[in-house]
C-alpha atoms as a PDB file:
ATOM      1  CA  MET A   1     -37.879 -24.631 -19.744  1.00  0.00           C
ATOM      2  CA  LYS A   2     -35.466 -22.115 -18.216  1.00  0.00           C
ATOM      3  CA  ARG A   3     -33.585 -19.855 -20.589  1.00  0.00           C
ATOM      4  CA  SER A   4     -29.862 -19.725 -20.096  1.00  0.00           C
ATOM      5  CA  THR A   5     -27.975 -16.486 -20.312  1.00  0.00           C
ATOM      6  CA  VAL A   6     -25.361 -15.850 -22.906  1.00  0.00           C
ATOM      7  CA  LEU A   7     -21.961 -15.030 -21.470  1.00  0.00           C
ATOM      8  CA  ASN A   8     -20.767 -11.622 -22.455  1.00  0.00           C
ATOM      9  CA  LEU A   9     -17.180 -10.563 -21.796  1.00  0.00           C
ATOM     10  CA  ARG A  10     -18.344  -7.060 -20.934  1.00  0.00           C
ATOM     11  CA  GLN A  11     -20.610  -8.387 -18.191  1.00  0.00           C
ATOM     12  CA  ILE A  12     -17.807 -10.417 -16.663  1.00  0.00           C
ATOM     13  CA  GLY A  13     -15.418  -7.497 -16.859  1.00  0.00           C
ATOM     14  CA  ILE A  14     -12.510  -9.253 -18.564  1.00  0.00           C
ATOM     15  CA  THR A  15     -12.098  -6.549 -21.183  1.00  0.00           C
ATOM     16  CA  ASP A  16     -11.985  -3.867 -18.485  1.00  0.00           C
ATOM     17  CA  PHE A  17      -9.444  -5.914 -16.552  1.00  0.00           C
ATOM     18  CA  LEU A  18      -7.267  -6.342 -19.652  1.00  0.00           C
ATOM     19  CA  ASN A  19      -7.463  -2.635 -20.466  1.00  0.00           C
ATOM     20  CA  LYS A  20      -6.469  -1.638 -16.936  1.00  0.00           C
ATOM     21  CA  ASN A  21      -3.605  -4.130 -16.687  1.00  0.00           C
ATOM     22  CA  LYS A  22      -1.932  -3.970 -20.096  1.00  0.00           C
ATOM     23  CA  ILE A  23       1.519  -3.328 -18.647  1.00  0.00           C
ATOM     24  CA  PHE A  24       1.156  -6.086 -16.051  1.00  0.00           C
ATOM     25  CA  LEU A  25       0.206  -8.546 -18.786  1.00  0.00           C
ATOM     26  CA  LEU A  26       3.100  -7.346 -20.945  1.00  0.00           C
ATOM     27  CA  MET A  27       5.503  -8.031 -18.062  1.00  0.00           C
ATOM     28  CA  ALA A  28       4.004 -11.487 -17.513  1.00  0.00           C
ATOM     29  CA  ILE A  29       4.358 -12.329 -21.200  1.00  0.00           C
ATOM     30  CA  THR A  30       7.923 -10.977 -21.280  1.00  0.00           C
ATOM     31  CA  PHE A  31       8.847 -13.051 -18.232  1.00  0.00           C
ATOM     32  CA  ALA A  32       7.256 -16.189 -19.716  1.00  0.00           C
ATOM     33  CA  VAL A  33       9.100 -15.652 -23.004  1.00  0.00           C
ATOM     34  CA  GLY A  34      12.365 -15.401 -21.056  1.00  0.00           C
ATOM     35  CA  CYS A  35      11.649 -18.622 -19.153  1.00  0.00           C
ATOM     36  CA  ILE A  36      10.715 -20.541 -22.291  1.00  0.00           C
ATOM     37  CA  ALA A  37      13.649 -19.166 -24.291  1.00  0.00           C
ATOM     38  CA  ALA A  38      16.138 -20.133 -21.583  1.00  0.00           C
ATOM     39  CA  SER A  39      14.668 -23.623 -21.372  1.00  0.00           C
ATOM     40  CA  PHE A  40      15.216 -24.138 -25.091  1.00  0.00           C
ATOM     41  CA  ILE A  41      18.559 -22.342 -25.354  1.00  0.00           C
ATOM     42  CA  TYR A  42      20.107 -23.870 -22.218  1.00  0.00           C
ATOM     43  CA  PRO A  43      21.224 -27.274 -23.601  1.00  0.00           C
ATOM     44  CA  GLU A  44      23.190 -25.743 -26.524  1.00  0.00           C
ATOM     45  CA  ASN A  45      24.617 -22.607 -24.928  1.00  0.00           C
ATOM     46  CA  LYS A  46      27.724 -23.271 -22.809  1.00  0.00           C
ATOM     47  CA  LYS A  47      27.997 -19.653 -21.637  1.00  0.00           C
ATOM     48  CA  LEU A  48      24.430 -19.689 -20.297  1.00  0.00           C
ATOM     49  CA  GLN A  49      25.141 -23.028 -18.632  1.00  0.00           C
ATOM     50  CA  GLY A  50      28.139 -21.517 -16.844  1.00  0.00           C
ATOM     51  CA  ILE A  51      26.195 -18.463 -15.687  1.00  0.00           C
ATOM     52  CA  ILE A  52      23.261 -20.527 -14.425  1.00  0.00           C
ATOM     53  CA  SER A  53      25.462 -23.106 -12.683  1.00  0.00           C
ATOM     54  CA  ASP A  54      27.280 -20.253 -10.897  1.00  0.00           C
ATOM     55  CA  TYR A  55      23.882 -18.840  -9.924  1.00  0.00           C
ATOM     56  CA  PHE A  56      22.860 -22.274  -8.600  1.00  0.00           C
ATOM     57  CA  LEU A  57      26.057 -22.661  -6.569  1.00  0.00           C
ATOM     58  CA  ASN A  58      25.580 -19.149  -5.187  1.00  0.00           C
ATOM     59  CA  PHE A  59      21.950 -19.979  -4.357  1.00  0.00           C
ATOM     60  CA  LEU A  60      23.058 -23.071  -2.433  1.00  0.00           C
ATOM     61  CA  SER A  61      26.029 -21.479  -0.688  1.00  0.00           C
ATOM     62  CA  HIS A  62      23.814 -18.728   0.761  1.00  0.00           C
ATOM     63  CA  ARG A  63      21.398 -21.270   2.222  1.00  0.00           C
ATOM     64  CA  ILE A  64      23.365 -24.344   3.343  1.00  0.00           C
ATOM     65  CA  ASP A  65      24.211 -24.500   7.060  1.00  0.00           C
ATOM     66  CA  LYS A  66      22.891 -21.001   7.725  1.00  0.00           C
ATOM     67  CA  LYS A  67      20.301 -19.844  10.197  1.00  0.00           C
ATOM     68  CA  PHE A  68      16.861 -18.902   8.949  1.00  0.00           C
ATOM     69  CA  PHE A  69      17.282 -15.213   9.741  1.00  0.00           C
ATOM     70  CA  ASN A  70      20.581 -15.011   7.829  1.00  0.00           C
ATOM     71  CA  VAL A  71      19.029 -16.729   4.797  1.00  0.00           C
ATOM     72  CA  PHE A  72      16.016 -14.435   4.972  1.00  0.00           C
ATOM     73  CA  ILE A  73      18.141 -11.278   5.155  1.00  0.00           C
ATOM     74  CA  SER A  74      20.486 -12.310   2.327  1.00  0.00           C
ATOM     75  CA  SER A  75      17.560 -13.314   0.084  1.00  0.00           C
ATOM     76  CA  PHE A  76      15.691 -10.122   0.900  1.00  0.00           C
ATOM     77  CA  LEU A  77      18.679  -7.907   0.159  1.00  0.00           C
ATOM     78  CA  GLU A  78      19.317  -9.636  -3.166  1.00  0.00           C
ATOM     79  CA  LEU A  79      15.706  -9.133  -4.197  1.00  0.00           C
ATOM     80  CA  ALA A  80      15.562  -5.588  -2.787  1.00  0.00           C
ATOM     81  CA  PHE A  81      18.517  -4.604  -4.958  1.00  0.00           C
ATOM     82  CA  TYR A  82      16.708  -5.980  -7.988  1.00  0.00           C
ATOM     83  CA  MET A  83      13.572  -3.993  -7.096  1.00  0.00           C
ATOM     84  CA  LEU A  84      15.691  -0.868  -6.614  1.00  0.00           C
ATOM     85  CA  VAL A  85      17.029  -1.235 -10.149  1.00  0.00           C
ATOM     86  CA  ILE A  86      13.472  -1.488 -11.472  1.00  0.00           C
ATOM     87  CA  PHE A  87      12.332   1.592  -9.554  1.00  0.00           C
ATOM     88  CA  LEU A  88      15.394   3.555 -10.666  1.00  0.00           C
ATOM     89  CA  GLY A  89      14.637   2.519 -14.239  1.00  0.00           C
ATOM     90  CA  GLY A  90      11.183   4.004 -13.827  1.00  0.00           C
ATOM     91  CA  SER A  91      12.641   7.346 -12.817  1.00  0.00           C
ATOM     92  CA  SER A  92      13.866   8.015 -16.344  1.00  0.00           C
ATOM     93  CA  MET A  93      12.299   8.157 -19.770  1.00  0.00           C
ATOM     94  CA  PHE A  94      14.295   5.085 -20.799  1.00  0.00           C
ATOM     95  CA  GLY A  95      12.458   2.955 -18.236  1.00  0.00           C
ATOM     96  CA  VAL A  96       9.867   1.976 -20.822  1.00  0.00           C
ATOM     97  CA  VAL A  97      12.602   0.093 -22.707  1.00  0.00           C
ATOM     98  CA  LEU A  98      14.814  -0.845 -19.764  1.00  0.00           C
ATOM     99  CA  ILE A  99      12.255  -2.429 -17.437  1.00  0.00           C
ATOM    100  CA  PRO A 100      10.872  -5.081 -19.831  1.00  0.00           C
ATOM    101  CA  PHE A 101      14.487  -5.985 -20.630  1.00  0.00           C
ATOM    102  CA  ILE A 102      15.212  -6.457 -16.905  1.00  0.00           C
ATOM    103  CA  VAL A 103      12.113  -8.636 -16.518  1.00  0.00           C
ATOM    104  CA  LEU A 104      13.188 -10.663 -19.574  1.00  0.00           C
ATOM    105  CA  ILE A 105      16.646 -11.217 -18.056  1.00  0.00           C
ATOM    106  CA  ARG A 106      15.075 -12.403 -14.791  1.00  0.00           C
ATOM    107  CA  GLY A 107      12.873 -14.770 -16.798  1.00  0.00           C
ATOM    108  CA  LEU A 108      15.984 -16.120 -18.537  1.00  0.00           C
ATOM    109  CA  TYR A 109      17.548 -16.790 -15.128  1.00  0.00           C
ATOM    110  CA  TYR A 110      14.484 -18.603 -13.818  1.00  0.00           C
ATOM    111  CA  GLY A 111      14.037 -20.641 -16.997  1.00  0.00           C
ATOM    112  CA  GLY A 112      17.732 -21.517 -17.117  1.00  0.00           C
ATOM    113  CA  PHE A 113      17.702 -22.438 -13.432  1.00  0.00           C
ATOM    114  CA  SER A 114      14.778 -24.805 -13.989  1.00  0.00           C
ATOM    115  CA  ALA A 115      16.465 -26.280 -17.069  1.00  0.00           C
ATOM    116  CA  LEU A 116      19.681 -26.833 -15.097  1.00  0.00           C
ATOM    117  CA  LEU A 117      17.862 -28.589 -12.290  1.00  0.00           C
ATOM    118  CA  TYR A 118      15.965 -30.828 -14.680  1.00  0.00           C
ATOM    119  CA  SER A 119      18.961 -31.686 -16.881  1.00  0.00           C
ATOM    120  CA  GLU A 120      21.386 -32.308 -14.011  1.00  0.00           C
ATOM    121  CA  PHE A 121      19.188 -33.901 -11.347  1.00  0.00           C
ATOM    122  CA  ALA A 122      16.093 -35.178 -13.258  1.00  0.00           C
ATOM    123  CA  LEU A 123      13.255 -35.909 -10.821  1.00  0.00           C
ATOM    124  CA  LYS A 124      15.188 -34.647  -7.772  1.00  0.00           C
ATOM    125  CA  GLY A 125      15.770 -31.378  -9.613  1.00  0.00           C
ATOM    126  CA  VAL A 126      12.083 -31.029 -10.385  1.00  0.00           C
ATOM    127  CA  ALA A 127      11.243 -31.658  -6.723  1.00  0.00           C
ATOM    128  CA  PHE A 128      13.869 -29.139  -5.578  1.00  0.00           C
ATOM    129  CA  ASN A 129      12.500 -26.635  -8.058  1.00  0.00           C
ATOM    130  CA  ALA A 130       8.900 -27.175  -6.942  1.00  0.00           C
ATOM    131  CA  LEU A 131       9.567 -27.148  -3.201  1.00  0.00           C
ATOM    132  CA  VAL A 132      12.480 -24.766  -2.687  1.00  0.00           C
ATOM    133  CA  PHE A 133      12.864 -22.453  -5.662  1.00  0.00           C
ATOM    134  CA  ILE A 134       9.403 -21.780  -7.130  1.00  0.00           C
ATOM    135  CA  PRO A 135       7.384 -20.654  -4.043  1.00  0.00           C
ATOM    136  CA  PRO A 136       9.552 -17.628  -3.194  1.00  0.00           C
ATOM    137  CA  ALA A 137      10.200 -16.990  -6.900  1.00  0.00           C
ATOM    138  CA  LEU A 138       6.460 -16.815  -7.532  1.00  0.00           C
ATOM    139  CA  ILE A 139       5.950 -14.226  -4.797  1.00  0.00           C
ATOM    140  CA  PHE A 140       8.933 -12.201  -5.955  1.00  0.00           C
ATOM    141  CA  THR A 141       7.879 -12.382  -9.594  1.00  0.00           C
ATOM    142  CA  LEU A 142       4.449 -10.965  -8.774  1.00  0.00           C
ATOM    143  CA  CYS A 143       6.154  -8.162  -6.840  1.00  0.00           C
ATOM    144  CA  ILE A 144       8.374  -7.498  -9.852  1.00  0.00           C
ATOM    145  CA  PHE A 145       5.379  -7.298 -12.164  1.00  0.00           C
ATOM    146  CA  PHE A 146       3.630  -4.760  -9.934  1.00  0.00           C
ATOM    147  CA  ALA A 147       6.829  -2.747  -9.478  1.00  0.00           C
ATOM    148  CA  ALA A 148       7.473  -2.826 -13.219  1.00  0.00           C
ATOM    149  CA  LYS A 149       3.926  -1.686 -13.902  1.00  0.00           C
ATOM    150  CA  GLU A 150       4.283   1.309 -11.603  1.00  0.00           C
ATOM    151  CA  SER A 151       7.760   2.138 -12.887  1.00  0.00           C
ATOM    152  CA  ILE A 152       6.659   2.046 -16.508  1.00  0.00           C
ATOM    153  CA  ASN A 153       3.668   4.254 -15.695  1.00  0.00           C
ATOM    154  CA  LEU A 154       6.000   6.737 -13.995  1.00  0.00           C
ATOM    155  CA  SER A 155       8.391   6.585 -16.934  1.00  0.00           C
ATOM    156  CA  LEU A 156       5.554   7.243 -19.371  1.00  0.00           C
ATOM    157  CA  ARG A 157       4.440  10.240 -17.295  1.00  0.00           C
ATOM    158  CA  LEU A 158       7.983  11.599 -17.358  1.00  0.00           C
ATOM    159  CA  ALA A 159       8.169  11.096 -21.121  1.00  0.00           C
ATOM    160  CA  ARG A 160       4.994  13.112 -21.642  1.00  0.00           C
END
């Protein structure tokens, strides 16, 4: 009979991965907390509903009846400004506190946006979310996590 090997986390390298990417995981958890919090807070909070509905109308107005290149440039510039704020936050000692807060706010926007689509449009909102909103948001969110990781590392070096 063949002996099976016992899985060891050190052999797989998960502990090394977690040690090397603590800040990345912190950003992912912060973003997820923001998304979940907005999903639960959204139905009761009228101010958040107003902000998210304005964000949704702005999202649609920049994309309806526009050429692909114009949509691409406007989306890129919006996201580039957001990345600039994260990198500028990393250029100070306060970036360690500021950057997770920025990621949390972005998570609140994404969670509120998904809650708005589901509450207003039901299944059509879920389809819109899955096909139009989530694919670019996923790419941008990963970019934000990597940028936040580097900015926090720079901020920690400045603090030392």
